[in-house]
Amino acid sequence: MRVSAGLMVGGSCVATAATVLNAFLINKQFYPSIVYLSKSNASMAVIYVQGIVLIYLMFQLLKSLFFGDLRAAEAEVICDI
């Protein structure tokens, strides 16, 4: 079973928003919330996944900006590099 890119991006955004909201609801202030986010392993995992998703989106944006519409064979060559 494959996960679509849209589902991964949407799920990552929802998970990140829920994690940050939870941190602010628990601590009520900015600095303790940031410390909580940086010390919690689960929170850091969610933030790392969000970072990977943002890098993927940046790659897709730059690919479409510089190369435009590509055929399947051309896209495969770019991804292999």
PDB file of N, CA and C in Angstrom:
ATOM      1  N   MET A   1       0.838  -1.176   0.000  1.00  0.00           N
ATOM      2  CA  MET A   1       0.000   0.000   0.000  1.00  0.00           C
ATOM      3  C   MET A   1       0.884   1.240   0.000  1.00  0.00           C
ATOM      4  N   ARG A   2       0.678   2.098  -0.970  1.00  0.00           N
ATOM      5  CA  ARG A   2       1.456   3.323  -1.073  1.00  0.00           C
ATOM      6  C   ARG A   2       0.675   4.496  -0.508  1.00  0.00           C
ATOM      7  N   VAL A   3       1.382   5.406   0.090  1.00  0.00           N
ATOM      8  CA  VAL A   3       0.775   6.626   0.626  1.00  0.00           C
ATOM      9  C   VAL A   3       1.004   7.731  -0.392  1.00  0.00           C
ATOM     10  N   SER A   4      -0.052   8.435  -0.758  1.00  0.00           N
ATOM     11  CA  SER A   4       0.099   9.504  -1.743  1.00  0.00           C
ATOM     12  C   SER A   4       0.818  10.695  -1.117  1.00  0.00           C
ATOM     13  N   ALA A   5       1.431  11.500  -1.982  1.00  0.00           N
ATOM     14  CA  ALA A   5       2.179  12.668  -1.505  1.00  0.00           C
ATOM     15  C   ALA A   5       1.254  13.666  -0.822  1.00  0.00           C
ATOM     16  N   GLY A   6       0.073  13.855  -1.362  1.00  0.00           N
ATOM     17  CA  GLY A   6      -0.875  14.792  -0.759  1.00  0.00           C
ATOM     18  C   GLY A   6      -1.306  14.372   0.632  1.00  0.00           C
ATOM     19  N   LEU A   7      -1.506  13.074   0.805  1.00  0.00           N
ATOM     20  CA  LEU A   7      -1.883  12.564   2.124  1.00  0.00           C
ATOM     21  C   LEU A   7      -0.746  12.742   3.118  1.00  0.00           C
ATOM     22  N   MET A   8       0.467  12.517   2.669  1.00  0.00           N
ATOM     23  CA  MET A   8       1.636  12.678   3.551  1.00  0.00           C
ATOM     24  C   MET A   8       1.816  14.139   3.949  1.00  0.00           C
ATOM     25  N   VAL A   9       1.670  15.054   2.981  1.00  0.00           N
ATOM     26  CA  VAL A   9       1.813  16.482   3.277  1.00  0.00           C
ATOM     27  C   VAL A   9       0.706  16.941   4.226  1.00  0.00           C
ATOM     28  N   GLY A  10      -0.520  16.557   3.938  1.00  0.00           N
ATOM     29  CA  GLY A  10      -1.638  16.951   4.792  1.00  0.00           C
ATOM     30  C   GLY A  10      -1.536  16.372   6.187  1.00  0.00           C
ATOM     31  N   GLY A  11      -1.189  15.096   6.271  1.00  0.00           N
ATOM     32  CA  GLY A  11      -1.042  14.450   7.572  1.00  0.00           C
ATOM     33  C   GLY A  11       0.075  15.057   8.389  1.00  0.00           C
ATOM     34  N   SER A  12       1.167  15.402   7.712  1.00  0.00           N
ATOM     35  CA  SER A  12       2.293  16.015   8.409  1.00  0.00           C
ATOM     36  C   SER A  12       1.917  17.396   8.945  1.00  0.00           C
ATOM     37  N   CYS A  13       1.206  18.168   8.153  1.00  0.00           N
ATOM     38  CA  CYS A  13       0.785  19.503   8.607  1.00  0.00           C
ATOM     39  C   CYS A  13      -0.169  19.412   9.795  1.00  0.00           C
ATOM     40  N   VAL A  14      -1.104  18.472   9.732  1.00  0.00           N
ATOM     41  CA  VAL A  14      -2.051  18.288  10.843  1.00  0.00           C
ATOM     42  C   VAL A  14      -1.320  17.826  12.100  1.00  0.00           C
ATOM     43  N   ALA A  15      -0.387  16.876  11.944  1.00  0.00           N
ATOM     44  CA  ALA A  15       0.356  16.375  13.104  1.00  0.00           C
ATOM     45  C   ALA A  15       1.220  17.468  13.725  1.00  0.00           C
ATOM     46  N   THR A  16       1.854  18.289  12.886  1.00  0.00           N
ATOM     47  CA  THR A  16       2.684  19.370  13.405  1.00  0.00           C
ATOM     48  C   THR A  16       1.830  20.415  14.130  1.00  0.00           C
ATOM     49  N   ALA A  17       0.701  20.772  13.524  1.00  0.00           N
ATOM     50  CA  ALA A  17      -0.185  21.742  14.169  1.00  0.00           C
ATOM     51  C   ALA A  17      -0.705  21.218  15.500  1.00  0.00           C
ATOM     52  N   ALA A  18      -1.064  19.937  15.540  1.00  0.00           N
ATOM     53  CA  ALA A  18      -1.568  19.350  16.792  1.00  0.00           C
ATOM     54  C   ALA A  18      -0.473  19.301  17.848  1.00  0.00           C
ATOM     55  N   THR A  19       0.755  19.003  17.445  1.00  0.00           N
ATOM     56  CA  THR A  19       1.869  18.933  18.391  1.00  0.00           C
ATOM     57  C   THR A  19       2.178  20.303  18.988  1.00  0.00           C
ATOM     58  N   VAL A  20       2.235  21.320  18.139  1.00  0.00           N
ATOM     59  CA  VAL A  20       2.530  22.676  18.618  1.00  0.00           C
ATOM     60  C   VAL A  20       1.382  23.193  19.487  1.00  0.00           C
ATOM     61  N   LEU A  21       0.157  22.955  19.069  1.00  0.00           N
ATOM     62  CA  LEU A  21      -1.001  23.383  19.861  1.00  0.00           C
ATOM     63  C   LEU A  21      -1.009  22.699  21.230  1.00  0.00           C
ATOM     64  N   ASN A  22      -0.702  21.407  21.245  1.00  0.00           N
ATOM     65  CA  ASN A  22      -0.635  20.680  22.514  1.00  0.00           C
ATOM     66  C   ASN A  22       0.431  21.270  23.435  1.00  0.00           C
ATOM     67  N   ALA A  23       1.585  21.601  22.878  1.00  0.00           N
ATOM     68  CA  ALA A  23       2.659  22.184  23.694  1.00  0.00           C
ATOM     69  C   ALA A  23       2.228  23.521  24.292  1.00  0.00           C
ATOM     70  N   PHE A  24       1.546  24.341  23.502  1.00  0.00           N
ATOM     71  CA  PHE A  24       1.115  25.639  24.019  1.00  0.00           C
ATOM     72  C   PHE A  24      -0.049  25.515  25.002  1.00  0.00           C
ATOM     73  N   LEU A  25      -0.893  24.495  24.831  1.00  0.00           N
ATOM     74  CA  LEU A  25      -1.975  24.297  25.794  1.00  0.00           C
ATOM     75  C   LEU A  25      -1.446  23.788  27.136  1.00  0.00           C
ATOM     76  N   ILE A  26      -0.396  22.987  27.102  1.00  0.00           N
ATOM     77  CA  ILE A  26       0.181  22.456  28.336  1.00  0.00           C
ATOM     78  C   ILE A  26       0.935  23.535  29.100  1.00  0.00           C
ATOM     79  N   ASN A  27       1.734  24.348  28.395  1.00  0.00           N
ATOM     80  CA  ASN A  27       2.651  25.263  29.070  1.00  0.00           C
ATOM     81  C   ASN A  27       2.196  26.708  29.150  1.00  0.00           C
ATOM     82  N   LYS A  28       1.301  27.134  28.299  1.00  0.00           N
ATOM     83  CA  LYS A  28       0.686  28.467  28.338  1.00  0.00           C
ATOM     84  C   LYS A  28       1.616  29.631  27.984  1.00  0.00           C
ATOM     85  N   GLN A  29       2.919  29.402  27.925  1.00  0.00           N
ATOM     86  CA  GLN A  29       3.858  30.471  27.576  1.00  0.00           C
ATOM     87  C   GLN A  29       4.773  29.987  26.469  1.00  0.00           C
ATOM     88  N   PHE A  30       5.399  30.967  25.770  1.00  0.00           N
ATOM     89  CA  PHE A  30       6.194  30.636  24.593  1.00  0.00           C
ATOM     90  C   PHE A  30       7.444  29.829  24.932  1.00  0.00           C
ATOM     91  N   TYR A  31       8.278  30.342  25.808  1.00  0.00           N
ATOM     92  CA  TYR A  31       9.560  29.696  26.089  1.00  0.00           C
ATOM     93  C   TYR A  31       9.405  28.278  26.657  1.00  0.00           C
ATOM     94  N   PRO A  32       8.570  28.063  27.666  1.00  0.00           N
ATOM     95  CA  PRO A  32       8.392  26.681  28.150  1.00  0.00           C
ATOM     96  C   PRO A  32       7.827  25.740  27.080  1.00  0.00           C
ATOM     97  N   SER A  33       7.006  26.279  26.186  1.00  0.00           N
ATOM     98  CA  SER A  33       6.458  25.457  25.107  1.00  0.00           C
ATOM     99  C   SER A  33       7.551  25.017  24.143  1.00  0.00           C
ATOM    100  N   ILE A  34       8.459  25.926  23.809  1.00  0.00           N
ATOM    101  CA  ILE A  34       9.557  25.591  22.908  1.00  0.00           C
ATOM    102  C   ILE A  34      10.503  24.586  23.569  1.00  0.00           C
ATOM    103  N   VAL A  35      10.751  24.750  24.853  1.00  0.00           N
ATOM    104  CA  VAL A  35      11.595  23.788  25.579  1.00  0.00           C
ATOM    105  C   VAL A  35      10.915  22.423  25.580  1.00  0.00           C
ATOM    106  N   TYR A  36       9.618  22.391  25.811  1.00  0.00           N
ATOM    107  CA  TYR A  36       8.872  21.133  25.790  1.00  0.00           C
ATOM    108  C   TYR A  36       8.975  20.470  24.421  1.00  0.00           C
ATOM    109  N   LEU A  37       8.812  21.256  23.365  1.00  0.00           N
ATOM    110  CA  LEU A  37       8.895  20.700  22.007  1.00  0.00           C
ATOM    111  C   LEU A  37      10.277  20.142  21.707  1.00  0.00           C
ATOM    112  N   SER A  38      11.305  20.817  22.179  1.00  0.00           N
ATOM    113  CA  SER A  38      12.668  20.364  21.874  1.00  0.00           C
ATOM    114  C   SER A  38      13.115  19.195  22.741  1.00  0.00           C
ATOM    115  N   LYS A  39      12.494  18.995  23.892  1.00  0.00           N
ATOM    116  CA  LYS A  39      12.888  17.904  24.786  1.00  0.00           C
ATOM    117  C   LYS A  39      12.086  16.622  24.557  1.00  0.00           C
ATOM    118  N   SER A  40      10.916  16.743  23.956  1.00  0.00           N
ATOM    119  CA  SER A  40      10.062  15.579  23.738  1.00  0.00           C
ATOM    120  C   SER A  40      10.487  14.852  22.453  1.00  0.00           C
ATOM    121  N   ASN A  41      10.767  13.552  22.576  1.00  0.00           N
ATOM    122  CA  ASN A  41      11.190  12.770  21.415  1.00  0.00           C
ATOM    123  C   ASN A  41      10.081  12.673  20.373  1.00  0.00           C
ATOM    124  N   ALA A  42       8.851  12.506  20.798  1.00  0.00           N
ATOM    125  CA  ALA A  42       7.736  12.407  19.858  1.00  0.00           C
ATOM    126  C   ALA A  42       7.535  13.727  19.111  1.00  0.00           C
ATOM    127  N   SER A  43       7.646  14.837  19.828  1.00  0.00           N
ATOM    128  CA  SER A  43       7.503  16.146  19.183  1.00  0.00           C
ATOM    129  C   SER A  43       8.614  16.383  18.163  1.00  0.00           C
ATOM    130  N   MET A  44       9.819  15.999  18.523  1.00  0.00           N
ATOM    131  CA  MET A  44      10.933  16.185  17.588  1.00  0.00           C
ATOM    132  C   MET A  44      10.763  15.295  16.361  1.00  0.00           C
ATOM    133  N   ALA A  45      10.229  14.101  16.517  1.00  0.00           N
ATOM    134  CA  ALA A  45       9.990  13.220  15.371  1.00  0.00           C
ATOM    135  C   ALA A  45       8.979  13.845  14.417  1.00  0.00           C
ATOM    136  N   VAL A  46       7.925  14.431  14.966  1.00  0.00           N
ATOM    137  CA  VAL A  46       6.920  15.087  14.132  1.00  0.00           C
ATOM    138  C   VAL A  46       7.533  16.283  13.409  1.00  0.00           C
ATOM    139  N   ILE A  47       8.359  17.042  14.097  1.00  0.00           N
ATOM    140  CA  ILE A  47       8.995  18.213  13.481  1.00  0.00           C
ATOM    141  C   ILE A  47       9.991  17.789  12.403  1.00  0.00           C
ATOM    142  N   TYR A  48      10.713  16.687  12.624  1.00  0.00           N
ATOM    143  CA  TYR A  48      11.634  16.181  11.605  1.00  0.00           C
ATOM    144  C   TYR A  48      10.883  15.743  10.355  1.00  0.00           C
ATOM    145  N   VAL A  49       9.767  15.059  10.540  1.00  0.00           N
ATOM    146  CA  VAL A  49       8.960  14.642   9.384  1.00  0.00           C
ATOM    147  C   VAL A  49       8.440  15.863   8.641  1.00  0.00           C
ATOM    148  N   GLN A  50       8.034  16.885   9.359  1.00  0.00           N
ATOM    149  CA  GLN A  50       7.568  18.115   8.715  1.00  0.00           C
ATOM    150  C   GLN A  50       8.702  18.748   7.918  1.00  0.00           C
ATOM    151  N   GLY A  51       9.918  18.727   8.442  1.00  0.00           N
ATOM    152  CA  GLY A  51      11.062  19.259   7.714  1.00  0.00           C
ATOM    153  C   GLY A  51      11.320  18.494   6.427  1.00  0.00           C
ATOM    154  N   ILE A  52      11.217  17.174   6.488  1.00  0.00           N
ATOM    155  CA  ILE A  52      11.403  16.354   5.285  1.00  0.00           C
ATOM    156  C   ILE A  52      10.317  16.655   4.259  1.00  0.00           C
ATOM    157  N   VAL A  53       9.089  16.828   4.718  1.00  0.00           N
ATOM    158  CA  VAL A  53       7.990  17.173   3.803  1.00  0.00           C
ATOM    159  C   VAL A  53       8.237  18.534   3.162  1.00  0.00           C
ATOM    160  N   LEU A  54       8.722  19.500   3.925  1.00  0.00           N
ATOM    161  CA  LEU A  54       9.014  20.820   3.360  1.00  0.00           C
ATOM    162  C   LEU A  54      10.141  20.755   2.336  1.00  0.00           C
ATOM    163  N   ILE A  55      11.139  19.918   2.568  1.00  0.00           N
ATOM    164  CA  ILE A  55      12.215  19.743   1.583  1.00  0.00           C
ATOM    165  C   ILE A  55      11.657  19.101   0.315  1.00  0.00           C
ATOM    166  N   TYR A  56      10.774  18.123   0.462  1.00  0.00           N
ATOM    167  CA  TYR A  56      10.137  17.489  -0.694  1.00  0.00           C
ATOM    168  C   TYR A  56       9.339  18.510  -1.498  1.00  0.00           C
ATOM    169  N   LEU A  57       8.558  19.342  -0.810  1.00  0.00           N
ATOM    170  CA  LEU A  57       7.774  20.354  -1.510  1.00  0.00           C
ATOM    171  C   LEU A  57       8.666  21.371  -2.220  1.00  0.00           C
ATOM    172  N   MET A  58       9.776  21.742  -1.589  1.00  0.00           N
ATOM    173  CA  MET A  58      10.726  22.663  -2.220  1.00  0.00           C
ATOM    174  C   MET A  58      11.327  22.031  -3.473  1.00  0.00           C
ATOM    175  N   PHE A  59      11.670  20.739  -3.401  1.00  0.00           N
ATOM    176  CA  PHE A  59      12.204  20.028  -4.564  1.00  0.00           C
ATOM    177  C   PHE A  59      11.191  20.020  -5.695  1.00  0.00           C
ATOM    178  N   GLN A  60       9.925  19.741  -5.377  1.00  0.00           N
ATOM    179  CA  GLN A  60       8.891  19.708  -6.408  1.00  0.00           C
ATOM    180  C   GLN A  60       8.691  21.087  -7.029  1.00  0.00           C
ATOM    181  N   LEU A  61       8.728  22.129  -6.219  1.00  0.00           N
ATOM    182  CA  LEU A  61       8.571  23.490  -6.715  1.00  0.00           C
ATOM    183  C   LEU A  61       9.720  23.870  -7.640  1.00  0.00           C
ATOM    184  N   LEU A  62      10.951  23.590  -7.204  1.00  0.00           N
ATOM    185  CA  LEU A  62      12.107  23.921  -8.031  1.00  0.00           C
ATOM    186  C   LEU A  62      12.136  23.097  -9.312  1.00  0.00           C
ATOM    187  N   LYS A  63      11.738  21.842  -9.231  1.00  0.00           N
ATOM    188  CA  LYS A  63      11.692  20.986 -10.418  1.00  0.00           C
ATOM    189  C   LYS A  63      10.711  21.536 -11.435  1.00  0.00           C
ATOM    190  N   SER A  64       9.534  21.926 -10.987  1.00  0.00           N
ATOM    191  CA  SER A  64       8.549  22.455 -11.925  1.00  0.00           C
ATOM    192  C   SER A  64       8.933  23.850 -12.417  1.00  0.00           C
ATOM    193  N   LEU A  65       9.626  24.618 -11.589  1.00  0.00           N
ATOM    194  CA  LEU A  65      10.045  25.955 -11.982  1.00  0.00           C
ATOM    195  C   LEU A  65      11.129  25.909 -13.055  1.00  0.00           C
ATOM    196  N   PHE A  66      12.133  25.049 -12.873  1.00  0.00           N
ATOM    197  CA  PHE A  66      13.252  25.000 -13.801  1.00  0.00           C
ATOM    198  C   PHE A  66      13.009  24.100 -15.008  1.00  0.00           C
ATOM    199  N   PHE A  67      12.247  23.004 -14.841  1.00  0.00           N
ATOM    200  CA  PHE A  67      12.098  22.037 -15.919  1.00  0.00           C
ATOM    201  C   PHE A  67      10.710  22.016 -16.539  1.00  0.00           C
ATOM    202  N   GLY A  68       9.721  22.577 -15.892  1.00  0.00           N
ATOM    203  CA  GLY A  68       8.365  22.568 -16.436  1.00  0.00           C
ATOM    204  C   GLY A  68       7.776  21.169 -16.399  1.00  0.00           C
ATOM    205  N   ASP A  69       6.915  20.878 -17.382  1.00  0.00           N
ATOM    206  CA  ASP A  69       6.300  19.552 -17.476  1.00  0.00           C
ATOM    207  C   ASP A  69       7.293  18.573 -18.082  1.00  0.00           C
ATOM    208  N   LEU A  70       7.495  17.463 -17.411  1.00  0.00           N
ATOM    209  CA  LEU A  70       8.434  16.449 -17.869  1.00  0.00           C
ATOM    210  C   LEU A  70       7.697  15.160 -18.207  1.00  0.00           C
ATOM    211  N   ARG A  71       8.232  14.434 -19.180  1.00  0.00           N
ATOM    212  CA  ARG A  71       7.714  13.099 -19.465  1.00  0.00           C
ATOM    213  C   ARG A  71       8.188  12.174 -18.355  1.00  0.00           C
ATOM    214  N   ALA A  72       7.601  10.994 -18.280  1.00  0.00           N
ATOM    215  CA  ALA A  72       7.934  10.054 -17.211  1.00  0.00           C
ATOM    216  C   ALA A  72       9.407   9.658 -17.237  1.00  0.00           C
ATOM    217  N   ALA A  73       9.950   9.445 -18.420  1.00  0.00           N
ATOM    218  CA  ALA A  73      11.355   9.042 -18.526  1.00  0.00           C
ATOM    219  C   ALA A  73      12.291  10.161 -18.055  1.00  0.00           C
ATOM    220  N   GLU A  74      11.959  11.397 -18.387  1.00  0.00           N
ATOM    221  CA  GLU A  74      12.779  12.530 -17.967  1.00  0.00           C
ATOM    222  C   GLU A  74      12.720  12.722 -16.453  1.00  0.00           C
ATOM    223  N   ALA A  75      11.546  12.581 -15.883  1.00  0.00           N
ATOM    224  CA  ALA A  75      11.402  12.713 -14.432  1.00  0.00           C
ATOM    225  C   ALA A  75      12.175  11.613 -13.711  1.00  0.00           C
ATOM    226  N   GLU A  76      12.183  10.418 -14.273  1.00  0.00           N
ATOM    227  CA  GLU A  76      12.933   9.314 -13.654  1.00  0.00           C
ATOM    228  C   GLU A  76      14.435   9.584 -13.662  1.00  0.00           C
ATOM    229  N   VAL A  77      14.936  10.167 -14.748  1.00  0.00           N
ATOM    230  CA  VAL A  77      16.360  10.498 -14.829  1.00  0.00           C
ATOM    231  C   VAL A  77      16.726  11.547 -13.778  1.00  0.00           C
ATOM    232  N   ILE A  78      15.868  12.542 -13.584  1.00  0.00           N
ATOM    233  CA  ILE A  78      16.137  13.585 -12.592  1.00  0.00           C
ATOM    234  C   ILE A  78      16.142  13.001 -11.188  1.00  0.00           C
ATOM    235  N   CYS A  79      15.195  12.116 -10.904  1.00  0.00           N
ATOM    236  CA  CYS A  79      15.127  11.518  -9.560  1.00  0.00           C
ATOM    237  C   CYS A  79      16.279  10.572  -9.295  1.00  0.00           C
ATOM    238  N   ASP A  80      16.881  10.015 -10.318  1.00  0.00           N
ATOM    239  CA  ASP A  80      18.016   9.100 -10.145  1.00  0.00           C
ATOM    240  C   ASP A  80      19.301   9.840  -9.835  1.00  0.00           C
ATOM    241  N   ILE A  81      19.367  11.099 -10.129  1.00  0.00           N
ATOM    242  CA  ILE A  81      20.611  11.872  -9.935  1.00  0.00           C
ATOM    243  C   ILE A  81      20.900  12.060  -8.497  1.00  0.00           C
TER     244      ILE A  81
END
